[in-house]
Amino acid sequence: MSGSGFYKRWASLFALLAALASAAWAYPLSVTDDLGVTVTLEREPERVVAMMPSHTETLCALDACDTLVGVDDATKSAP
C-alpha cells in the first residue's frame, strides 16, 4: 500500500470513529471508504473494539470510553 493510501484509509477510519462517537448523527448512518465499500449502521453502536492503541486513545478523547469492550494486545492499559 502506498504511503498516501495508508493515510487516506486512516483518515477514513478516524472519520468513522468520530461519527460513531457523536450523538448528533442521525441513523441509519452510511459511510463509504476509499475502495467504494459502504457500511450502514442502522442504530448508534453500543460496543466498540479498538484494534490499535491510537484507536483507544481517540475513542477516549471523544468521550466514548464507555463503549469499549475490547482492545488490542499492544494497548498498555484500558481506560
PDB file of N, CA and C in Angstrom:
ATOM      1  N   MET A   1       0.858  -1.177   0.000  1.00  0.00           N
ATOM      2  CA  MET A   1       0.000   0.000   0.000  1.00  0.00           C
ATOM      3  C   MET A   1       0.893   1.226   0.000  1.00  0.00           C
ATOM      4  N   SER A   2       0.550   2.167  -0.841  1.00  0.00           N
ATOM      5  CA  SER A   2       1.353   3.380  -0.920  1.00  0.00           C
ATOM      6  C   SER A   2       1.163   4.217   0.331  1.00  0.00           C
ATOM      7  N   GLY A   3       2.093   5.113   0.582  1.00  0.00           N
ATOM      8  CA  GLY A   3       2.030   5.979   1.759  1.00  0.00           C
ATOM      9  C   GLY A   3       0.777   6.811   1.805  1.00  0.00           C
ATOM     10  N   SER A   4       0.391   7.397   0.667  1.00  0.00           N
ATOM     11  CA  SER A   4      -0.808   8.242   0.666  1.00  0.00           C
ATOM     12  C   SER A   4      -2.066   7.406   0.864  1.00  0.00           C
ATOM     13  N   GLY A   5      -2.095   6.192   0.324  1.00  0.00           N
ATOM     14  CA  GLY A   5      -3.243   5.306   0.520  1.00  0.00           C
ATOM     15  C   GLY A   5      -3.403   4.921   1.970  1.00  0.00           C
ATOM     16  N   PHE A   6      -2.280   4.687   2.634  1.00  0.00           N
ATOM     17  CA  PHE A   6      -2.295   4.354   4.059  1.00  0.00           C
ATOM     18  C   PHE A   6      -2.938   5.478   4.866  1.00  0.00           C
ATOM     19  N   TYR A   7      -2.528   6.697   4.611  1.00  0.00           N
ATOM     20  CA  TYR A   7      -3.066   7.833   5.358  1.00  0.00           C
ATOM     21  C   TYR A   7      -4.530   8.100   5.026  1.00  0.00           C
ATOM     22  N   LYS A   8      -4.915   7.861   3.771  1.00  0.00           N
ATOM     23  CA  LYS A   8      -6.324   8.036   3.401  1.00  0.00           C
ATOM     24  C   LYS A   8      -7.193   7.038   4.158  1.00  0.00           C
ATOM     25  N   ARG A   9      -6.723   5.800   4.284  1.00  0.00           N
ATOM     26  CA  ARG A   9      -7.508   4.779   4.993  1.00  0.00           C
ATOM     27  C   ARG A   9      -7.627   5.147   6.466  1.00  0.00           C
ATOM     28  N   TRP A  10      -6.547   5.639   7.081  1.00  0.00           N
ATOM     29  CA  TRP A  10      -6.617   6.023   8.494  1.00  0.00           C
ATOM     30  C   TRP A  10      -7.469   7.260   8.687  1.00  0.00           C
ATOM     31  N   ALA A  11      -7.447   8.158   7.723  1.00  0.00           N
ATOM     32  CA  ALA A  11      -8.317   9.333   7.810  1.00  0.00           C
ATOM     33  C   ALA A  11      -9.775   8.902   7.733  1.00  0.00           C
ATOM     34  N   SER A  12     -10.068   7.910   6.883  1.00  0.00           N
ATOM     35  CA  SER A  12     -11.425   7.383   6.784  1.00  0.00           C
ATOM     36  C   SER A  12     -11.842   6.725   8.091  1.00  0.00           C
ATOM     37  N   LEU A  13     -10.926   5.964   8.696  1.00  0.00           N
ATOM     38  CA  LEU A  13     -11.221   5.314   9.976  1.00  0.00           C
ATOM     39  C   LEU A  13     -11.484   6.353  11.055  1.00  0.00           C
ATOM     40  N   PHE A  14     -10.667   7.400  11.087  1.00  0.00           N
ATOM     41  CA  PHE A  14     -10.868   8.446  12.083  1.00  0.00           C
ATOM     42  C   PHE A  14     -12.228   9.114  11.890  1.00  0.00           C
ATOM     43  N   ALA A  15     -12.598   9.355  10.641  1.00  0.00           N
ATOM     44  CA  ALA A  15     -13.902   9.964  10.370  1.00  0.00           C
ATOM     45  C   ALA A  15     -15.024   9.057  10.835  1.00  0.00           C
ATOM     46  N   LEU A  16     -14.862   7.751  10.632  1.00  0.00           N
ATOM     47  CA  LEU A  16     -15.870   6.800  11.098  1.00  0.00           C
ATOM     48  C   LEU A  16     -15.957   6.802  12.617  1.00  0.00           C
ATOM     49  N   LEU A  17     -14.808   6.794  13.283  1.00  0.00           N
ATOM     50  CA  LEU A  17     -14.808   6.810  14.751  1.00  0.00           C
ATOM     51  C   LEU A  17     -15.464   8.084  15.279  1.00  0.00           C
ATOM     52  N   ALA A  18     -15.170   9.198  14.639  1.00  0.00           N
ATOM     53  CA  ALA A  18     -15.790  10.450  15.063  1.00  0.00           C
ATOM     54  C   ALA A  18     -17.303  10.384  14.882  1.00  0.00           C
ATOM     55  N   ALA A  19     -17.724   9.776  13.785  1.00  0.00           N
ATOM     56  CA  ALA A  19     -19.164   9.646  13.543  1.00  0.00           C
ATOM     57  C   ALA A  19     -19.809   8.733  14.569  1.00  0.00           C
ATOM     58  N   LEU A  20     -19.123   7.657  14.916  1.00  0.00           N
ATOM     59  CA  LEU A  20     -19.675   6.709  15.890  1.00  0.00           C
ATOM     60  C   LEU A  20     -19.787   7.320  17.278  1.00  0.00           C
ATOM     61  N   ALA A  21     -18.873   8.188  17.605  1.00  0.00           N
ATOM     62  CA  ALA A  21     -18.852   8.760  18.942  1.00  0.00           C
ATOM     63  C   ALA A  21     -19.778   9.959  19.099  1.00  0.00           C
ATOM     64  N   SER A  22     -20.281  10.456  18.019  1.00  0.00           N
ATOM     65  CA  SER A  22     -21.109  11.658  18.068  1.00  0.00           C
ATOM     66  C   SER A  22     -22.584  11.312  18.180  1.00  0.00           C
ATOM     67  N   ALA A  23     -23.232  11.879  19.165  1.00  0.00           N
ATOM     68  CA  ALA A  23     -24.667  11.657  19.339  1.00  0.00           C
ATOM     69  C   ALA A  23     -25.477  12.510  18.373  1.00  0.00           C
ATOM     70  N   ALA A  24     -24.845  13.430  17.680  1.00  0.00           N
ATOM     71  CA  ALA A  24     -25.552  14.344  16.795  1.00  0.00           C
ATOM     72  C   ALA A  24     -25.882  13.717  15.436  1.00  0.00           C
ATOM     73  N   TRP A  25     -25.341  12.558  15.126  1.00  0.00           N
ATOM     74  CA  TRP A  25     -25.579  11.933  13.830  1.00  0.00           C
ATOM     75  C   TRP A  25     -26.920  11.227  13.821  1.00  0.00           C
ATOM     76  N   ALA A  26     -27.567  11.277  12.704  1.00  0.00           N
ATOM     77  CA  ALA A  26     -28.847  10.594  12.533  1.00  0.00           C
ATOM     78  C   ALA A  26     -28.595   9.188  11.975  1.00  0.00           C
ATOM     79  N   TYR A  27     -29.339   8.246  12.457  1.00  0.00           N
ATOM     80  CA  TYR A  27     -29.224   6.860  11.993  1.00  0.00           C
ATOM     81  C   TYR A  27     -30.473   6.492  11.226  1.00  0.00           C
ATOM     82  N   PRO A  28     -30.350   5.672  10.200  1.00  0.00           N
ATOM     83  CA  PRO A  28     -29.156   4.930   9.809  1.00  0.00           C
ATOM     84  C   PRO A  28     -28.072   5.846   9.220  1.00  0.00           C
ATOM     85  N   LEU A  29     -26.815   5.458   9.464  1.00  0.00           N
ATOM     86  CA  LEU A  29     -25.657   6.220   9.029  1.00  0.00           C
ATOM     87  C   LEU A  29     -24.865   5.360   8.055  1.00  0.00           C
ATOM     88  N   SER A  30     -24.625   5.859   6.866  1.00  0.00           N
ATOM     89  CA  SER A  30     -23.839   5.132   5.867  1.00  0.00           C
ATOM     90  C   SER A  30     -22.501   5.822   5.678  1.00  0.00           C
ATOM     91  N   VAL A  31     -21.433   5.011   5.616  1.00  0.00           N
ATOM     92  CA  VAL A  31     -20.075   5.510   5.423  1.00  0.00           C
ATOM     93  C   VAL A  31     -19.457   4.710   4.285  1.00  0.00           C
ATOM     94  N   THR A  32     -18.815   5.400   3.330  1.00  0.00           N
ATOM     95  CA  THR A  32     -18.159   4.744   2.202  1.00  0.00           C
ATOM     96  C   THR A  32     -16.665   4.988   2.294  1.00  0.00           C
ATOM     97  N   ASP A  33     -15.867   3.897   2.201  1.00  0.00           N
ATOM     98  CA  ASP A  33     -14.416   4.046   2.281  1.00  0.00           C
ATOM     99  C   ASP A  33     -13.830   4.323   0.901  1.00  0.00           C
ATOM    100  N   ASP A  34     -12.497   4.420   0.824  1.00  0.00           N
ATOM    101  CA  ASP A  34     -11.814   4.752  -0.423  1.00  0.00           C
ATOM    102  C   ASP A  34     -11.952   3.674  -1.499  1.00  0.00           C
ATOM    103  N   LEU A  35     -12.280   2.453  -1.097  1.00  0.00           N
ATOM    104  CA  LEU A  35     -12.452   1.377  -2.059  1.00  0.00           C
ATOM    105  C   LEU A  35     -13.885   1.293  -2.580  1.00  0.00           C
ATOM    106  N   GLY A  36     -14.742   2.183  -2.073  1.00  0.00           N
ATOM    107  CA  GLY A  36     -16.121   2.199  -2.511  1.00  0.00           C
ATOM    108  C   GLY A  36     -17.034   1.276  -1.731  1.00  0.00           C
ATOM    109  N   VAL A  37     -16.526   0.697  -0.644  1.00  0.00           N
ATOM    110  CA  VAL A  37     -17.334  -0.193   0.187  1.00  0.00           C
ATOM    111  C   VAL A  37     -18.163   0.662   1.150  1.00  0.00           C
ATOM    112  N   THR A  38     -19.453   0.451   1.136  1.00  0.00           N
ATOM    113  CA  THR A  38     -20.356   1.214   2.002  1.00  0.00           C
ATOM    114  C   THR A  38     -20.835   0.336   3.148  1.00  0.00           C
ATOM    115  N   VAL A  39     -20.760   0.877   4.343  1.00  0.00           N
ATOM    116  CA  VAL A  39     -21.256   0.205   5.540  1.00  0.00           C
ATOM    117  C   VAL A  39     -22.359   1.084   6.106  1.00  0.00           C
ATOM    118  N   THR A  40     -23.489   0.477   6.428  1.00  0.00           N
ATOM    119  CA  THR A  40     -24.600   1.217   7.003  1.00  0.00           C
ATOM    120  C   THR A  40     -24.847   0.740   8.425  1.00  0.00           C
ATOM    121  N   LEU A  41     -24.836   1.690   9.351  1.00  0.00           N
ATOM    122  CA  LEU A  41     -25.145   1.404  10.751  1.00  0.00           C
ATOM    123  C   LEU A  41     -26.604   1.783  10.970  1.00  0.00           C
ATOM    124  N   GLU A  42     -27.417   0.801  11.319  1.00  0.00           N
ATOM    125  CA  GLU A  42     -28.846   1.038  11.491  1.00  0.00           C
ATOM    126  C   GLU A  42     -29.157   1.830  12.752  1.00  0.00           C
ATOM    127  N   ARG A  43     -28.298   1.682  13.784  1.00  0.00           N
ATOM    128  CA  ARG A  43     -28.502   2.415  15.036  1.00  0.00           C
ATOM    129  C   ARG A  43     -27.141   2.740  15.635  1.00  0.00           C
ATOM    130  N   GLU A  44     -27.127   3.591  16.625  1.00  0.00           N
ATOM    131  CA  GLU A  44     -25.872   4.002  17.259  1.00  0.00           C
ATOM    132  C   GLU A  44     -25.171   2.790  17.873  1.00  0.00           C
ATOM    133  N   PRO A  45     -23.873   2.612  17.594  1.00  0.00           N
ATOM    134  CA  PRO A  45     -23.146   1.477  18.161  1.00  0.00           C
ATOM    135  C   PRO A  45     -23.107   1.551  19.690  1.00  0.00           C
ATOM    136  N   GLU A  46     -23.265   0.406  20.320  1.00  0.00           N
ATOM    137  CA  GLU A  46     -23.227   0.325  21.777  1.00  0.00           C
ATOM    138  C   GLU A  46     -21.899  -0.221  22.278  1.00  0.00           C
ATOM    139  N   ARG A  47     -21.210  -1.000  21.411  1.00  0.00           N
ATOM    140  CA  ARG A  47     -19.945  -1.626  21.792  1.00  0.00           C
ATOM    141  C   ARG A  47     -18.919  -1.424  20.687  1.00  0.00           C
ATOM    142  N   VAL A  48     -17.670  -1.150  21.093  1.00  0.00           N
ATOM    143  CA  VAL A  48     -16.594  -0.908  20.132  1.00  0.00           C
ATOM    144  C   VAL A  48     -15.360  -1.688  20.575  1.00  0.00           C
ATOM    145  N   VAL A  49     -14.664  -2.290  19.614  1.00  0.00           N
ATOM    146  CA  VAL A  49     -13.378  -2.936  19.861  1.00  0.00           C
ATOM    147  C   VAL A  49     -12.320  -2.100  19.166  1.00  0.00           C
ATOM    148  N   ALA A  50     -11.330  -1.623  19.921  1.00  0.00           N
ATOM    149  CA  ALA A  50     -10.235  -0.816  19.366  1.00  0.00           C
ATOM    150  C   ALA A  50      -9.105  -1.752  18.951  1.00  0.00           C
ATOM    151  N   MET A  51      -8.680  -1.645  17.701  1.00  0.00           N
ATOM    152  CA  MET A  51      -7.673  -2.551  17.156  1.00  0.00           C
ATOM    153  C   MET A  51      -6.246  -2.017  17.249  1.00  0.00           C
ATOM    154  N   MET A  52      -6.080  -0.781  17.698  1.00  0.00           N
ATOM    155  CA  MET A  52      -4.760  -0.178  17.876  1.00  0.00           C
ATOM    156  C   MET A  52      -4.827   0.756  19.081  1.00  0.00           C
ATOM    157  N   PRO A  53      -3.693   0.969  19.772  1.00  0.00           N
ATOM    158  CA  PRO A  53      -3.692   1.904  20.900  1.00  0.00           C
ATOM    159  C   PRO A  53      -4.212   3.291  20.524  1.00  0.00           C
ATOM    160  N   SER A  54      -3.901   3.742  19.312  1.00  0.00           N
ATOM    161  CA  SER A  54      -4.371   5.067  18.900  1.00  0.00           C
ATOM    162  C   SER A  54      -5.891   5.098  18.763  1.00  0.00           C
ATOM    163  N   HIS A  55      -6.499   3.978  18.395  1.00  0.00           N
ATOM    164  CA  HIS A  55      -7.959   3.923  18.321  1.00  0.00           C
ATOM    165  C   HIS A  55      -8.558   4.076  19.718  1.00  0.00           C
ATOM    166  N   THR A  56      -7.944   3.401  20.695  1.00  0.00           N
ATOM    167  CA  THR A  56      -8.404   3.508  22.085  1.00  0.00           C
ATOM    168  C   THR A  56      -8.305   4.953  22.547  1.00  0.00           C
ATOM    169  N   GLU A  57      -7.165   5.573  22.278  1.00  0.00           N
ATOM    170  CA  GLU A  57      -6.958   6.961  22.686  1.00  0.00           C
ATOM    171  C   GLU A  57      -7.975   7.891  22.022  1.00  0.00           C
ATOM    172  N   THR A  58      -8.239   7.656  20.743  1.00  0.00           N
ATOM    173  CA  THR A  58      -9.193   8.507  20.017  1.00  0.00           C
ATOM    174  C   THR A  58     -10.596   8.357  20.589  1.00  0.00           C
ATOM    175  N   LEU A  59     -11.021   7.127  20.839  1.00  0.00           N
ATOM    176  CA  LEU A  59     -12.346   6.912  21.419  1.00  0.00           C
ATOM    177  C   LEU A  59     -12.475   7.621  22.762  1.00  0.00           C
ATOM    178  N   CYS A  60     -11.447   7.525  23.587  1.00  0.00           N
ATOM    179  CA  CYS A  60     -11.500   8.167  24.903  1.00  0.00           C
ATOM    180  C   CYS A  60     -11.470   9.691  24.764  1.00  0.00           C
ATOM    181  N   ALA A  61     -10.713  10.193  23.792  1.00  0.00           N
ATOM    182  CA  ALA A  61     -10.685  11.641  23.566  1.00  0.00           C
ATOM    183  C   ALA A  61     -12.048  12.147  23.101  1.00  0.00           C
ATOM    184  N   LEU A  62     -12.812  11.272  22.447  1.00  0.00           N
ATOM    185  CA  LEU A  62     -14.152  11.625  22.000  1.00  0.00           C
ATOM    186  C   LEU A  62     -15.212  11.319  23.060  1.00  0.00           C
ATOM    187  N   ASP A  63     -14.747  11.036  24.267  1.00  0.00           N
ATOM    188  CA  ASP A  63     -15.622  10.739  25.401  1.00  0.00           C
ATOM    189  C   ASP A  63     -16.509   9.521  25.144  1.00  0.00           C
ATOM    190  N   ALA A  64     -15.910   8.504  24.514  1.00  0.00           N
ATOM    191  CA  ALA A  64     -16.646   7.273  24.214  1.00  0.00           C
ATOM    192  C   ALA A  64     -15.976   6.045  24.830  1.00  0.00           C
ATOM    193  N   CYS A  65     -15.192   6.233  25.895  1.00  0.00           N
ATOM    194  CA  CYS A  65     -14.508   5.113  26.546  1.00  0.00           C
ATOM    195  C   CYS A  65     -15.487   4.053  27.047  1.00  0.00           C
ATOM    196  N   ASP A  66     -16.671   4.485  27.437  1.00  0.00           N
ATOM    197  CA  ASP A  66     -17.640   3.539  27.975  1.00  0.00           C
ATOM    198  C   ASP A  66     -18.170   2.574  26.919  1.00  0.00           C
ATOM    199  N   THR A  67     -17.912   2.837  25.634  1.00  0.00           N
ATOM    200  CA  THR A  67     -18.336   1.915  24.585  1.00  0.00           C
ATOM    201  C   THR A  67     -17.313   0.820  24.323  1.00  0.00           C
ATOM    202  N   LEU A  68     -16.086   0.980  24.853  1.00  0.00           N
ATOM    203  CA  LEU A  68     -15.029  -0.009  24.620  1.00  0.00           C
ATOM    204  C   LEU A  68     -15.330  -1.327  25.334  1.00  0.00           C
ATOM    205  N   VAL A  69     -15.301  -2.412  24.573  1.00  0.00           N
ATOM    206  CA  VAL A  69     -15.467  -3.745  25.154  1.00  0.00           C
ATOM    207  C   VAL A  69     -14.241  -4.613  24.918  1.00  0.00           C
ATOM    208  N   GLY A  70     -13.287  -4.100  24.123  1.00  0.00           N
ATOM    209  CA  GLY A  70     -12.057  -4.835  23.858  1.00  0.00           C
ATOM    210  C   GLY A  70     -11.006  -3.930  23.266  1.00  0.00           C
ATOM    211  N   VAL A  71      -9.748  -4.262  23.555  1.00  0.00           N
ATOM    212  CA  VAL A  71      -8.620  -3.513  22.997  1.00  0.00           C
ATOM    213  C   VAL A  71      -7.580  -4.505  22.489  1.00  0.00           C
ATOM    214  N   ASP A  72      -6.650  -4.019  21.695  1.00  0.00           N
ATOM    215  CA  ASP A  72      -5.586  -4.859  21.131  1.00  0.00           C
ATOM    216  C   ASP A  72      -4.573  -5.229  22.200  1.00  0.00           C
ATOM    217  N   ASP A  73      -3.681  -6.157  21.876  1.00  0.00           N
ATOM    218  CA  ASP A  73      -2.644  -6.600  22.814  1.00  0.00           C
ATOM    219  C   ASP A  73      -1.609  -5.533  23.104  1.00  0.00           C
ATOM    220  N   ALA A  74      -1.432  -4.570  22.206  1.00  0.00           N
ATOM    221  CA  ALA A  74      -0.406  -3.543  22.383  1.00  0.00           C
ATOM    222  C   ALA A  74      -0.832  -2.419  23.310  1.00  0.00           C
ATOM    223  N   THR A  75      -2.118  -2.304  23.587  1.00  0.00           N
ATOM    224  CA  THR A  75      -2.583  -1.251  24.480  1.00  0.00           C
ATOM    225  C   THR A  75      -2.124  -1.577  25.896  1.00  0.00           C
ATOM    226  N   LYS A  76      -1.398  -0.641  26.497  1.00  0.00           N
ATOM    227  CA  LYS A  76      -0.814  -0.882  27.821  1.00  0.00           C
ATOM    228  C   LYS A  76      -1.873  -0.984  28.910  1.00  0.00           C
ATOM    229  N   SER A  77      -2.855  -0.099  28.874  1.00  0.00           N
ATOM    230  CA  SER A  77      -3.917  -0.153  29.863  1.00  0.00           C
ATOM    231  C   SER A  77      -5.191   0.401  29.258  1.00  0.00           C
ATOM    232  N   ALA A  78      -6.260  -0.284  29.507  1.00  0.00           N
ATOM    233  CA  ALA A  78      -7.555   0.208  29.024  1.00  0.00           C
ATOM    234  C   ALA A  78      -8.101   1.194  30.046  1.00  0.00           C
ATOM    235  N   PRO A  79      -8.689   2.255  29.566  1.00  0.00           N
ATOM    236  CA  PRO A  79      -9.227   3.273  30.480  1.00  0.00           C
ATOM    237  C   PRO A  79     -10.371   2.720  31.324  1.00  0.00           C
TER     238      PRO A  79
END
